């Protein structure tokens, strides 16, 4: 194959990959801002055209700021997606959890995981719902799965640590918290987690 044809093919492939790489970078940047407690910046960055992961993080940012109505509306952007899209059910679950409808929220989150078992945020949402229902072991298992699927998901590690503590497994808590401190060095929860780890290591 002539050199020019090879170069054209490589360039075409690179251009085809560019949008997905940009989306991945945008999503990672939004998550880093969230992990640093920059909730307003996350909200401003995540437009309606943003990737679903960024919109999900924006909804959580509204919750962190106590803006329940705005969080509900942002989850609604995901819920408006087609029913064959797992993010539809994640958004629906987010709304239902805000409405204290935990049975429906769990069913929706499980439907998201059924559509795409490899989507870490589906398992993360299941973990959040089970935590609300005080099913500590179930929540810990769901968050473990989210962290396994996406090892860089800092808050899967954080909430996983909390759930393992509630489930009577401080050893598993420590493992998750160590990962959380490594992944989110600027997180608002860092001082609290460091204090807990200091206490655990001091035993």
N, C-alpha and C. Protein backbone atom coordinates (compact mmCIF):
# COMPACT_ATOMS: atom_id res chain seq x y z
N UNK A 1 0.86 -1.20 0.00
CA UNK A 1 0.00 0.00 0.00
C UNK A 1 0.90 1.24 0.00
N UNK A 2 0.66 2.20 -0.90
CA UNK A 2 1.49 3.41 -0.95
C UNK A 2 1.47 4.15 0.38
N UNK A 3 2.61 4.83 0.65
CA UNK A 3 2.80 5.55 1.92
C UNK A 3 1.67 6.55 2.18
N UNK A 4 1.29 7.34 1.14
CA UNK A 4 0.25 8.36 1.31
C UNK A 4 -1.10 7.74 1.69
N UNK A 5 -1.40 6.59 1.10
CA UNK A 5 -2.67 5.92 1.42
C UNK A 5 -2.68 5.46 2.87
N UNK A 6 -1.54 4.95 3.35
CA UNK A 6 -1.43 4.50 4.74
C UNK A 6 -1.62 5.68 5.68
N UNK A 7 -0.97 6.80 5.37
CA UNK A 7 -1.06 7.99 6.22
C UNK A 7 -2.49 8.53 6.26
N UNK A 8 -3.15 8.50 5.09
CA UNK A 8 -4.55 8.96 5.04
C UNK A 8 -5.43 8.08 5.92
N UNK A 9 -5.18 6.77 5.88
CA UNK A 9 -5.97 5.82 6.66
C UNK A 9 -5.76 6.07 8.16
N UNK A 10 -4.50 6.26 8.55
CA UNK A 10 -4.17 6.52 9.96
C UNK A 10 -4.83 7.81 10.43
N UNK A 11 -4.76 8.84 9.58
CA UNK A 11 -5.34 10.14 9.93
C UNK A 11 -6.85 10.04 10.07
N UNK A 12 -7.48 9.29 9.17
CA UNK A 12 -8.93 9.10 9.23
C UNK A 12 -9.33 8.39 10.52
N UNK A 13 -8.58 7.36 10.89
CA UNK A 13 -8.87 6.62 12.13
C UNK A 13 -8.71 7.53 13.35
N UNK A 14 -7.67 8.36 13.32
CA UNK A 14 -7.43 9.28 14.44
C UNK A 14 -8.58 10.28 14.58
N UNK A 15 -9.07 10.77 13.43
CA UNK A 15 -10.17 11.72 13.46
C UNK A 15 -11.45 11.08 13.97
N UNK A 16 -11.66 9.80 13.62
CA UNK A 16 -12.84 9.08 14.10
C UNK A 16 -12.78 8.86 15.61
N UNK A 17 -11.58 8.65 16.12
CA UNK A 17 -11.40 8.41 17.56
C UNK A 17 -11.46 9.70 18.37
N UNK A 18 -11.18 10.82 17.73
CA UNK A 18 -11.06 12.10 18.44
C UNK A 18 -12.29 12.46 19.28
N UNK A 19 -13.53 12.35 18.75
CA UNK A 19 -14.69 12.71 19.58
C UNK A 19 -14.79 11.89 20.86
N UNK A 20 -14.54 10.57 20.78
CA UNK A 20 -14.66 9.74 21.97
C UNK A 20 -13.56 10.07 22.97
N UNK A 21 -12.37 10.39 22.48
CA UNK A 21 -11.28 10.78 23.39
C UNK A 21 -11.61 12.09 24.09
N UNK A 22 -12.19 13.04 23.34
CA UNK A 22 -12.56 14.33 23.92
C UNK A 22 -13.62 14.16 24.99
N UNK A 23 -14.62 13.31 24.72
CA UNK A 23 -15.68 13.03 25.69
C UNK A 23 -15.09 12.44 26.96
N UNK A 24 -14.17 11.49 26.80
CA UNK A 24 -13.55 10.84 27.96
C UNK A 24 -12.78 11.87 28.79
N UNK A 25 -12.05 12.76 28.11
CA UNK A 25 -11.29 13.80 28.81
C UNK A 25 -12.22 14.75 29.54
N UNK A 26 -13.31 15.15 28.87
CA UNK A 26 -14.29 16.05 29.49
C UNK A 26 -14.90 15.42 30.74
N UNK A 27 -15.28 14.15 30.62
CA UNK A 27 -15.89 13.44 31.74
C UNK A 27 -14.93 13.34 32.91
N UNK A 28 -13.67 13.02 32.62
CA UNK A 28 -12.65 12.90 33.68
C UNK A 28 -12.42 14.25 34.35
N UNK A 29 -12.43 15.32 33.57
CA UNK A 29 -12.22 16.66 34.12
C UNK A 29 -13.37 17.05 35.05
N UNK A 30 -14.60 16.75 34.63
CA UNK A 30 -15.78 17.05 35.45
C UNK A 30 -15.71 16.28 36.76
N UNK A 31 -15.32 15.00 36.69
CA UNK A 31 -15.23 14.18 37.90
C UNK A 31 -14.15 14.71 38.84
N UNK A 32 -13.04 15.16 38.27
CA UNK A 32 -11.96 15.73 39.11
C UNK A 32 -12.44 16.99 39.83
N UNK A 33 -13.20 17.83 39.14
CA UNK A 33 -13.74 19.03 39.78
C UNK A 33 -14.68 18.66 40.92
N UNK A 34 -15.51 17.64 40.69
CA UNK A 34 -16.43 17.18 41.73
C UNK A 34 -15.65 16.67 42.94
N UNK A 35 -14.60 15.91 42.66
CA UNK A 35 -13.78 15.34 43.74
C UNK A 35 -13.06 16.42 44.53
N UNK A 36 -12.86 17.58 43.92
CA UNK A 36 -12.21 18.70 44.62
C UNK A 36 -13.22 19.62 45.29
N UNK A 37 -14.50 19.24 45.24
CA UNK A 37 -15.53 20.06 45.88
C UNK A 37 -15.93 21.28 45.08
N UNK A 38 -15.59 21.30 43.78
CA UNK A 38 -15.91 22.46 42.93
C UNK A 38 -17.27 22.23 42.26
N UNK A 39 -18.30 22.19 43.09
CA UNK A 39 -19.63 21.78 42.61
C UNK A 39 -20.23 22.77 41.62
N UNK A 40 -20.07 24.05 41.87
CA UNK A 40 -20.63 25.04 40.96
C UNK A 40 -19.97 24.98 39.59
N UNK A 41 -18.66 24.74 39.58
CA UNK A 41 -17.94 24.61 38.30
C UNK A 41 -18.44 23.39 37.53
N UNK A 42 -18.72 22.30 38.25
CA UNK A 42 -19.26 21.10 37.59
C UNK A 42 -20.59 21.43 36.92
N UNK A 43 -21.45 22.12 37.66
CA UNK A 43 -22.78 22.48 37.15
C UNK A 43 -22.66 23.35 35.90
N UNK A 44 -21.74 24.30 35.93
CA UNK A 44 -21.56 25.22 34.80
C UNK A 44 -20.99 24.51 33.58
N UNK A 45 -20.19 23.47 33.81
CA UNK A 45 -19.54 22.75 32.72
C UNK A 45 -20.49 21.78 32.03
N UNK A 46 -21.40 21.20 32.79
CA UNK A 46 -22.24 20.12 32.26
C UNK A 46 -23.50 20.69 31.62
N UNK A 47 -23.42 20.99 30.33
CA UNK A 47 -24.57 21.46 29.58
C UNK A 47 -25.44 20.26 29.19
N UNK A 48 -26.58 20.54 28.55
CA UNK A 48 -27.47 19.45 28.11
C UNK A 48 -26.80 18.56 27.07
N UNK A 49 -25.82 19.13 26.36
CA UNK A 49 -25.12 18.35 25.34
C UNK A 49 -23.94 17.57 25.91
N UNK A 50 -23.71 17.70 27.20
CA UNK A 50 -22.57 17.03 27.85
C UNK A 50 -22.79 15.52 27.90
N UNK A 51 -21.72 14.73 28.06
CA UNK A 51 -21.88 13.29 28.22
C UNK A 51 -22.74 12.97 29.44
N UNK A 52 -23.46 11.84 29.43
CA UNK A 52 -24.34 11.52 30.56
C UNK A 52 -23.61 11.43 31.90
N UNK A 53 -22.37 10.97 31.88
CA UNK A 53 -21.60 10.90 33.13
C UNK A 53 -21.44 12.28 33.75
N UNK A 54 -21.23 13.30 32.91
CA UNK A 54 -21.05 14.67 33.39
C UNK A 54 -22.37 15.23 33.94
N UNK A 55 -23.48 14.90 33.28
CA UNK A 55 -24.80 15.35 33.75
C UNK A 55 -25.12 14.70 35.09
N UNK A 56 -24.81 13.42 35.22
CA UNK A 56 -25.01 12.70 36.48
C UNK A 56 -24.21 13.36 37.61
N UNK A 57 -22.98 13.72 37.30
CA UNK A 57 -22.13 14.37 38.30
C UNK A 57 -22.66 15.76 38.64
N UNK A 58 -23.23 16.44 37.65
CA UNK A 58 -23.84 17.76 37.90
C UNK A 58 -25.05 17.63 38.83
N UNK A 59 -25.86 16.60 38.63
CA UNK A 59 -27.02 16.37 39.51
C UNK A 59 -26.56 16.15 40.94
N UNK A 60 -25.49 15.36 41.11
CA UNK A 60 -24.94 15.13 42.44
C UNK A 60 -24.37 16.41 43.03
N UNK A 61 -23.83 17.27 42.17
CA UNK A 61 -23.29 18.56 42.63
C UNK A 61 -24.41 19.44 43.17
N UNK A 62 -25.54 19.46 42.47
CA UNK A 62 -26.70 20.20 42.98
C UNK A 62 -27.11 19.69 44.36
N UNK A 63 -27.09 18.36 44.52
CA UNK A 63 -27.43 17.78 45.82
C UNK A 63 -26.46 18.23 46.90
N UNK A 64 -25.18 18.26 46.56
CA UNK A 64 -24.17 18.69 47.53
C UNK A 64 -24.39 20.14 47.96
N UNK A 65 -24.95 20.92 47.05
CA UNK A 65 -25.23 22.34 47.35
C UNK A 65 -26.61 22.54 47.97
N UNK A 66 -27.33 21.45 48.18
CA UNK A 66 -28.66 21.54 48.79
C UNK A 66 -29.75 22.00 47.85
N UNK A 67 -29.47 21.96 46.55
CA UNK A 67 -30.44 22.44 45.55
C UNK A 67 -31.21 21.23 45.01
N UNK A 68 -32.20 20.77 45.78
CA UNK A 68 -32.91 19.54 45.45
C UNK A 68 -33.70 19.67 44.14
N UNK A 69 -34.38 20.78 43.94
CA UNK A 69 -35.18 20.96 42.73
C UNK A 69 -34.30 20.93 41.49
N UNK A 70 -33.14 21.58 41.57
CA UNK A 70 -32.22 21.61 40.44
C UNK A 70 -31.64 20.21 40.19
N UNK A 71 -31.35 19.48 41.26
CA UNK A 71 -30.86 18.11 41.12
C UNK A 71 -31.91 17.24 40.43
N UNK A 72 -33.15 17.40 40.85
CA UNK A 72 -34.26 16.62 40.27
C UNK A 72 -34.37 16.92 38.77
N UNK A 73 -34.26 18.19 38.40
CA UNK A 73 -34.36 18.58 36.99
C UNK A 73 -33.18 18.04 36.18
N UNK A 74 -32.00 18.03 36.79
CA UNK A 74 -30.81 17.53 36.08
C UNK A 74 -30.88 16.03 35.89
N UNK A 75 -31.33 15.30 36.92
CA UNK A 75 -31.57 13.86 36.73
C UNK A 75 -32.61 13.66 35.63
N UNK A 76 -33.55 14.60 35.52
CA UNK A 76 -34.57 14.52 34.48
C UNK A 76 -34.00 14.56 33.08
N UNK A 77 -32.87 15.24 32.89
CA UNK A 77 -32.21 15.25 31.58
C UNK A 77 -31.79 13.83 31.19
N UNK A 78 -31.34 13.07 32.17
CA UNK A 78 -30.97 11.67 31.90
C UNK A 78 -32.22 10.82 31.70
N UNK A 79 -33.22 11.05 32.55
CA UNK A 79 -34.47 10.27 32.45
C UNK A 79 -35.17 10.48 31.11
N UNK A 80 -34.87 11.59 30.44
CA UNK A 80 -35.48 11.88 29.13
C UNK A 80 -34.84 11.08 27.99
N UNK A 81 -33.76 10.39 28.27
CA UNK A 81 -33.11 9.59 27.24
C UNK A 81 -33.97 8.37 26.94
N UNK A 82 -33.75 7.69 25.81
CA UNK A 82 -34.59 6.53 25.44
C UNK A 82 -34.52 5.41 26.49
N UNK A 83 -35.54 4.60 26.54
CA UNK A 83 -35.64 3.55 27.55
C UNK A 83 -34.68 2.37 27.31
N UNK A 84 -34.05 2.35 26.14
CA UNK A 84 -33.03 1.32 25.91
C UNK A 84 -31.64 1.82 26.31
N UNK A 85 -31.58 3.00 26.90
CA UNK A 85 -30.34 3.61 27.36
C UNK A 85 -30.27 3.47 28.89
N UNK A 86 -29.24 2.82 29.43
CA UNK A 86 -29.17 2.65 30.89
C UNK A 86 -29.20 3.97 31.66
N UNK A 87 -28.72 5.04 31.03
CA UNK A 87 -28.72 6.34 31.72
C UNK A 87 -30.14 6.86 31.95
N UNK A 88 -31.09 6.43 31.12
CA UNK A 88 -32.50 6.78 31.37
C UNK A 88 -32.90 6.31 32.77
N UNK A 89 -32.54 5.07 33.09
CA UNK A 89 -32.94 4.49 34.37
C UNK A 89 -32.10 5.03 35.54
N UNK A 90 -30.86 5.41 35.27
CA UNK A 90 -30.04 6.03 36.33
C UNK A 90 -30.64 7.39 36.70
N UNK A 91 -31.02 8.15 35.67
CA UNK A 91 -31.66 9.45 35.93
C UNK A 91 -32.97 9.30 36.67
N UNK A 92 -33.77 8.32 36.24
CA UNK A 92 -35.05 8.05 36.88
C UNK A 92 -34.83 7.65 38.34
N UNK A 93 -33.84 6.81 38.58
CA UNK A 93 -33.53 6.37 39.93
C UNK A 93 -33.10 7.55 40.80
N UNK A 94 -32.31 8.46 40.21
CA UNK A 94 -31.89 9.65 40.95
C UNK A 94 -33.08 10.48 41.39
N UNK A 95 -34.04 10.67 40.48
CA UNK A 95 -35.25 11.42 40.81
C UNK A 95 -36.06 10.71 41.89
N UNK A 96 -36.22 9.41 41.73
CA UNK A 96 -37.03 8.63 42.68
C UNK A 96 -36.39 8.62 44.07
N UNK A 97 -35.07 8.57 44.11
CA UNK A 97 -34.38 8.60 45.40
C UNK A 97 -34.58 9.95 46.09
N UNK A 98 -34.54 11.02 45.32
CA UNK A 98 -34.82 12.34 45.88
C UNK A 98 -36.26 12.41 46.42
N UNK A 99 -37.15 11.70 45.76
CA UNK A 99 -38.56 11.68 46.17
C UNK A 99 -38.84 10.68 47.30
N UNK A 100 -37.76 10.04 47.79
CA UNK A 100 -37.88 9.04 48.88
C UNK A 100 -38.62 7.77 48.44
N UNK A 101 -38.74 7.56 47.14
CA UNK A 101 -39.38 6.35 46.62
C UNK A 101 -38.29 5.30 46.40
N UNK A 102 -37.81 4.72 47.49
CA UNK A 102 -36.62 3.86 47.40
C UNK A 102 -36.87 2.55 46.67
N UNK A 103 -38.08 2.00 46.76
CA UNK A 103 -38.37 0.76 46.03
C UNK A 103 -38.26 1.00 44.52
N UNK A 104 -38.89 2.07 44.07
CA UNK A 104 -38.85 2.41 42.65
C UNK A 104 -37.43 2.79 42.22
N UNK A 105 -36.72 3.51 43.09
CA UNK A 105 -35.34 3.92 42.77
C UNK A 105 -34.44 2.71 42.62
N UNK A 106 -34.62 1.71 43.47
CA UNK A 106 -33.81 0.49 43.37
C UNK A 106 -34.12 -0.27 42.10
N UNK A 107 -35.41 -0.38 41.79
CA UNK A 107 -35.82 -1.09 40.57
C UNK A 107 -35.24 -0.42 39.33
N UNK A 108 -35.27 0.92 39.30
CA UNK A 108 -34.73 1.65 38.14
C UNK A 108 -33.23 1.45 38.02
N UNK A 109 -32.52 1.56 39.14
CA UNK A 109 -31.06 1.39 39.11
C UNK A 109 -30.69 -0.03 38.68
N UNK A 110 -31.43 -1.01 39.14
CA UNK A 110 -31.17 -2.40 38.74
C UNK A 110 -31.47 -2.60 37.25
N UNK A 111 -32.46 -1.88 36.74
CA UNK A 111 -32.77 -1.95 35.31
C UNK A 111 -31.60 -1.39 34.50
N UNK A 112 -30.99 -0.31 35.00
CA UNK A 112 -29.81 0.26 34.32
C UNK A 112 -28.69 -0.76 34.28
N UNK A 113 -28.45 -1.44 35.40
CA UNK A 113 -27.39 -2.44 35.45
C UNK A 113 -27.71 -3.64 34.56
N UNK A 114 -29.01 -3.97 34.44
CA UNK A 114 -29.41 -5.08 33.56
C UNK A 114 -29.15 -4.74 32.10
N UNK A 115 -29.31 -3.48 31.74
CA UNK A 115 -29.06 -3.04 30.37
C UNK A 115 -27.58 -2.98 30.05
N UNK A 116 -26.77 -2.60 31.04
CA UNK A 116 -25.32 -2.51 30.83
C UNK A 116 -24.62 -2.85 32.15
N UNK A 117 -24.32 -4.12 32.32
CA UNK A 117 -23.69 -4.59 33.55
C UNK A 117 -22.30 -4.04 33.78
N UNK A 118 -21.68 -3.52 32.71
CA UNK A 118 -20.34 -2.97 32.84
C UNK A 118 -20.30 -1.49 33.14
N UNK A 119 -21.46 -0.87 33.34
CA UNK A 119 -21.52 0.57 33.60
C UNK A 119 -21.38 0.80 35.11
N UNK A 120 -20.24 1.33 35.52
CA UNK A 120 -19.96 1.50 36.95
C UNK A 120 -21.00 2.37 37.65
N UNK A 121 -21.47 3.41 36.96
CA UNK A 121 -22.41 4.33 37.59
C UNK A 121 -23.76 3.69 37.89
N UNK A 122 -24.12 2.65 37.15
CA UNK A 122 -25.36 1.93 37.45
C UNK A 122 -25.23 1.23 38.80
N UNK A 123 -24.09 0.59 39.04
CA UNK A 123 -23.86 -0.09 40.32
C UNK A 123 -23.68 0.93 41.45
N UNK A 124 -23.07 2.06 41.12
CA UNK A 124 -22.92 3.13 42.11
C UNK A 124 -24.29 3.62 42.56
N UNK A 125 -25.21 3.79 41.60
CA UNK A 125 -26.56 4.23 41.93
C UNK A 125 -27.29 3.19 42.78
N UNK A 126 -27.11 1.92 42.45
CA UNK A 126 -27.69 0.85 43.28
C UNK A 126 -27.16 0.98 44.71
N UNK A 127 -25.86 1.21 44.83
CA UNK A 127 -25.25 1.36 46.16
C UNK A 127 -25.84 2.51 46.94
N UNK A 128 -26.08 3.64 46.26
CA UNK A 128 -26.66 4.81 46.94
C UNK A 128 -28.08 4.51 47.44
N UNK A 129 -28.84 3.81 46.60
CA UNK A 129 -30.22 3.48 46.99
C UNK A 129 -30.22 2.51 48.18
N UNK A 130 -29.39 1.49 48.11
CA UNK A 130 -29.33 0.50 49.20
C UNK A 130 -28.82 1.14 50.50
N UNK A 131 -27.91 2.12 50.37
CA UNK A 131 -27.45 2.85 51.56
C UNK A 131 -28.60 3.61 52.20
N UNK A 132 -29.42 4.23 51.36
CA UNK A 132 -30.60 4.95 51.86
C UNK A 132 -31.55 4.00 52.58
N UNK A 133 -31.61 2.76 52.10
CA UNK A 133 -32.48 1.74 52.70
C UNK A 133 -31.81 1.05 53.90
N UNK A 134 -30.59 1.50 54.21
CA UNK A 134 -29.80 0.95 55.33
C UNK A 134 -29.48 -0.53 55.15
N UNK A 135 -29.37 -0.94 53.90
CA UNK A 135 -28.89 -2.28 53.58
C UNK A 135 -27.38 -2.16 53.38
N UNK A 136 -26.65 -2.17 54.50
CA UNK A 136 -25.22 -1.85 54.45
C UNK A 136 -24.44 -2.88 53.63
N UNK A 137 -24.72 -4.16 53.82
CA UNK A 137 -23.98 -5.19 53.08
C UNK A 137 -24.28 -5.12 51.59
N UNK A 138 -25.56 -4.94 51.26
CA UNK A 138 -25.93 -4.84 49.85
C UNK A 138 -25.31 -3.62 49.20
N UNK A 139 -25.32 -2.50 49.92
CA UNK A 139 -24.72 -1.27 49.39
C UNK A 139 -23.22 -1.44 49.20
N UNK A 140 -22.57 -2.07 50.18
CA UNK A 140 -21.12 -2.30 50.08
C UNK A 140 -20.79 -3.15 48.86
N UNK A 141 -21.59 -4.20 48.61
CA UNK A 141 -21.35 -5.07 47.46
C UNK A 141 -21.52 -4.32 46.14
N UNK A 142 -22.56 -3.48 46.06
CA UNK A 142 -22.80 -2.71 44.83
C UNK A 142 -21.67 -1.71 44.58
N UNK A 143 -21.22 -1.07 45.65
CA UNK A 143 -20.15 -0.08 45.51
C UNK A 143 -18.81 -0.75 45.22
N UNK A 144 -18.60 -1.94 45.77
CA UNK A 144 -17.42 -2.73 45.41
C UNK A 144 -17.40 -2.99 43.91
N UNK A 145 -18.58 -3.35 43.37
CA UNK A 145 -18.68 -3.65 41.94
C UNK A 145 -18.40 -2.38 41.11
N UNK A 146 -18.92 -1.25 41.56
CA UNK A 146 -18.67 0.01 40.85
C UNK A 146 -17.18 0.33 40.85
N UNK A 147 -16.52 0.14 42.00
CA UNK A 147 -15.09 0.41 42.09
C UNK A 147 -14.27 -0.57 41.27
N UNK A 148 -14.75 -1.80 41.19
CA UNK A 148 -14.07 -2.81 40.37
C UNK A 148 -14.15 -2.45 38.89
N UNK A 149 -15.32 -1.99 38.46
CA UNK A 149 -15.50 -1.63 37.06
C UNK A 149 -14.79 -0.34 36.69
N UNK A 150 -14.72 0.59 37.65
CA UNK A 150 -14.04 1.86 37.41
C UNK A 150 -13.17 2.18 38.62
N UNK A 151 -11.93 1.66 38.67
CA UNK A 151 -11.06 1.84 39.83
C UNK A 151 -10.74 3.30 40.15
N UNK A 152 -10.96 4.21 39.18
CA UNK A 152 -10.68 5.63 39.43
C UNK A 152 -11.89 6.38 39.97
N UNK A 153 -13.00 5.69 40.23
CA UNK A 153 -14.21 6.31 40.75
C UNK A 153 -14.02 6.53 42.26
N UNK A 154 -13.57 7.72 42.62
CA UNK A 154 -13.19 7.99 44.01
C UNK A 154 -14.35 7.81 44.99
N UNK A 155 -15.54 8.24 44.58
CA UNK A 155 -16.66 8.18 45.54
C UNK A 155 -17.27 6.79 45.65
N UNK A 156 -17.00 5.91 44.69
CA UNK A 156 -17.34 4.50 44.89
C UNK A 156 -16.47 3.95 46.02
N UNK A 157 -15.21 4.41 46.06
CA UNK A 157 -14.30 4.00 47.14
C UNK A 157 -14.75 4.61 48.48
N UNK A 158 -15.11 5.88 48.46
CA UNK A 158 -15.50 6.57 49.70
C UNK A 158 -16.75 5.96 50.32
N UNK A 159 -17.81 5.88 49.51
CA UNK A 159 -19.06 5.33 50.04
C UNK A 159 -18.93 3.83 50.32
N UNK A 160 -18.12 3.15 49.51
CA UNK A 160 -17.86 1.74 49.78
C UNK A 160 -17.21 1.56 51.15
N UNK A 161 -16.27 2.45 51.48
CA UNK A 161 -15.64 2.40 52.80
C UNK A 161 -16.64 2.62 53.92
N UNK A 162 -17.50 3.60 53.75
CA UNK A 162 -18.52 3.88 54.77
C UNK A 162 -19.46 2.69 54.95
N UNK A 163 -19.86 2.07 53.84
CA UNK A 163 -20.80 0.95 53.92
C UNK A 163 -20.15 -0.26 54.57
N UNK A 164 -18.88 -0.51 54.27
CA UNK A 164 -18.19 -1.63 54.90
C UNK A 164 -18.04 -1.39 56.41
N UNK A 165 -17.82 -0.15 56.79
CA UNK A 165 -17.75 0.17 58.21
C UNK A 165 -19.09 -0.14 58.89
N UNK A 166 -20.18 0.29 58.24
CA UNK A 166 -21.51 0.03 58.79
C UNK A 166 -21.81 -1.47 58.83
N UNK A 167 -21.24 -2.21 57.88
CA UNK A 167 -21.47 -3.66 57.81
C UNK A 167 -20.53 -4.44 58.72
N UNK A 168 -19.72 -3.71 59.50
CA UNK A 168 -18.83 -4.38 60.46
C UNK A 168 -17.54 -4.90 59.86
N UNK A 169 -17.09 -4.27 58.76
CA UNK A 169 -15.82 -4.68 58.14
C UNK A 169 -14.86 -3.50 58.06
N UNK A 170 -14.27 -3.10 59.20
CA UNK A 170 -13.33 -1.96 59.18
C UNK A 170 -12.10 -2.22 58.32
N UNK A 171 -11.74 -3.49 58.12
CA UNK A 171 -10.60 -3.82 57.26
C UNK A 171 -10.88 -3.43 55.82
N UNK A 172 -12.11 -3.75 55.36
CA UNK A 172 -12.49 -3.38 53.99
C UNK A 172 -12.65 -1.86 53.88
N UNK A 173 -13.17 -1.24 54.94
CA UNK A 173 -13.29 0.22 54.97
C UNK A 173 -11.92 0.86 54.73
N UNK A 174 -10.91 0.37 55.45
CA UNK A 174 -9.57 0.95 55.34
C UNK A 174 -9.02 0.85 53.93
N UNK A 175 -9.26 -0.29 53.29
CA UNK A 175 -8.78 -0.48 51.91
C UNK A 175 -9.41 0.55 50.98
N UNK A 176 -10.72 0.73 51.10
CA UNK A 176 -11.43 1.70 50.25
C UNK A 176 -10.98 3.13 50.55
N UNK A 177 -10.84 3.45 51.82
CA UNK A 177 -10.45 4.81 52.19
C UNK A 177 -9.04 5.14 51.70
N UNK A 178 -8.13 4.16 51.72
CA UNK A 178 -6.78 4.39 51.21
C UNK A 178 -6.84 4.75 49.72
N UNK A 179 -7.68 4.03 48.98
CA UNK A 179 -7.85 4.33 47.55
C UNK A 179 -8.47 5.71 47.35
N UNK A 180 -9.46 6.03 48.18
CA UNK A 180 -10.11 7.34 48.07
C UNK A 180 -9.10 8.47 48.29
N UNK A 181 -8.27 8.36 49.31
CA UNK A 181 -7.27 9.40 49.59
C UNK A 181 -6.28 9.54 48.44
N UNK A 182 -5.96 8.43 47.81
CA UNK A 182 -5.03 8.48 46.66
C UNK A 182 -5.69 9.12 45.45
N UNK A 183 -6.98 8.79 45.22
CA UNK A 183 -7.66 9.26 44.01
C UNK A 183 -8.16 10.70 44.12
N UNK A 184 -8.53 11.13 45.32
CA UNK A 184 -9.15 12.45 45.49
C UNK A 184 -8.42 13.25 46.58
N UNK A 185 -7.19 13.68 46.30
CA UNK A 185 -6.39 14.37 47.32
C UNK A 185 -6.97 15.71 47.78
N UNK A 186 -7.88 16.30 46.98
CA UNK A 186 -8.45 17.60 47.36
C UNK A 186 -9.91 17.48 47.82
N UNK A 187 -10.39 16.27 48.05
CA UNK A 187 -11.79 16.07 48.41
C UNK A 187 -12.14 16.73 49.75
N UNK A 188 -13.33 17.30 49.86
CA UNK A 188 -13.76 17.91 51.13
C UNK A 188 -13.77 16.91 52.29
N UNK A 189 -13.97 15.63 51.97
CA UNK A 189 -14.03 14.59 53.01
C UNK A 189 -12.64 14.13 53.47
N UNK A 190 -11.60 14.62 52.81
CA UNK A 190 -10.24 14.12 53.10
C UNK A 190 -9.86 14.22 54.59
N UNK A 191 -10.05 15.37 55.26
CA UNK A 191 -9.65 15.45 56.68
C UNK A 191 -10.38 14.42 57.55
N UNK A 192 -11.67 14.26 57.29
CA UNK A 192 -12.47 13.28 58.04
C UNK A 192 -11.93 11.86 57.82
N UNK A 193 -11.66 11.52 56.56
CA UNK A 193 -11.17 10.17 56.24
C UNK A 193 -9.78 9.95 56.83
N UNK A 194 -8.93 10.96 56.77
CA UNK A 194 -7.58 10.83 57.34
C UNK A 194 -7.65 10.61 58.84
N UNK A 195 -8.58 11.29 59.51
CA UNK A 195 -8.74 11.11 60.95
C UNK A 195 -9.20 9.69 61.27
N UNK A 196 -10.15 9.18 60.48
CA UNK A 196 -10.62 7.80 60.68
C UNK A 196 -9.48 6.82 60.47
N UNK A 197 -8.70 7.03 59.40
CA UNK A 197 -7.58 6.14 59.11
C UNK A 197 -6.52 6.19 60.19
N UNK A 198 -6.30 7.36 60.74
CA UNK A 198 -5.34 7.51 61.84
C UNK A 198 -5.78 6.69 63.04
N UNK A 199 -7.10 6.75 63.33
CA UNK A 199 -7.66 6.00 64.45
C UNK A 199 -7.53 4.49 64.21
N UNK A 200 -7.84 4.07 62.98
CA UNK A 200 -7.79 2.64 62.64
C UNK A 200 -6.35 2.13 62.73
N UNK A 201 -5.42 2.90 62.19
CA UNK A 201 -4.00 2.46 62.20
C UNK A 201 -3.41 2.50 63.60
N UNK A 202 -4.01 3.33 64.47
CA UNK A 202 -3.49 3.48 65.83
C UNK A 202 -3.90 2.37 66.77
N UNK A 203 -4.79 1.48 66.29
CA UNK A 203 -5.27 0.39 67.16
C UNK A 203 -4.18 -0.63 67.41
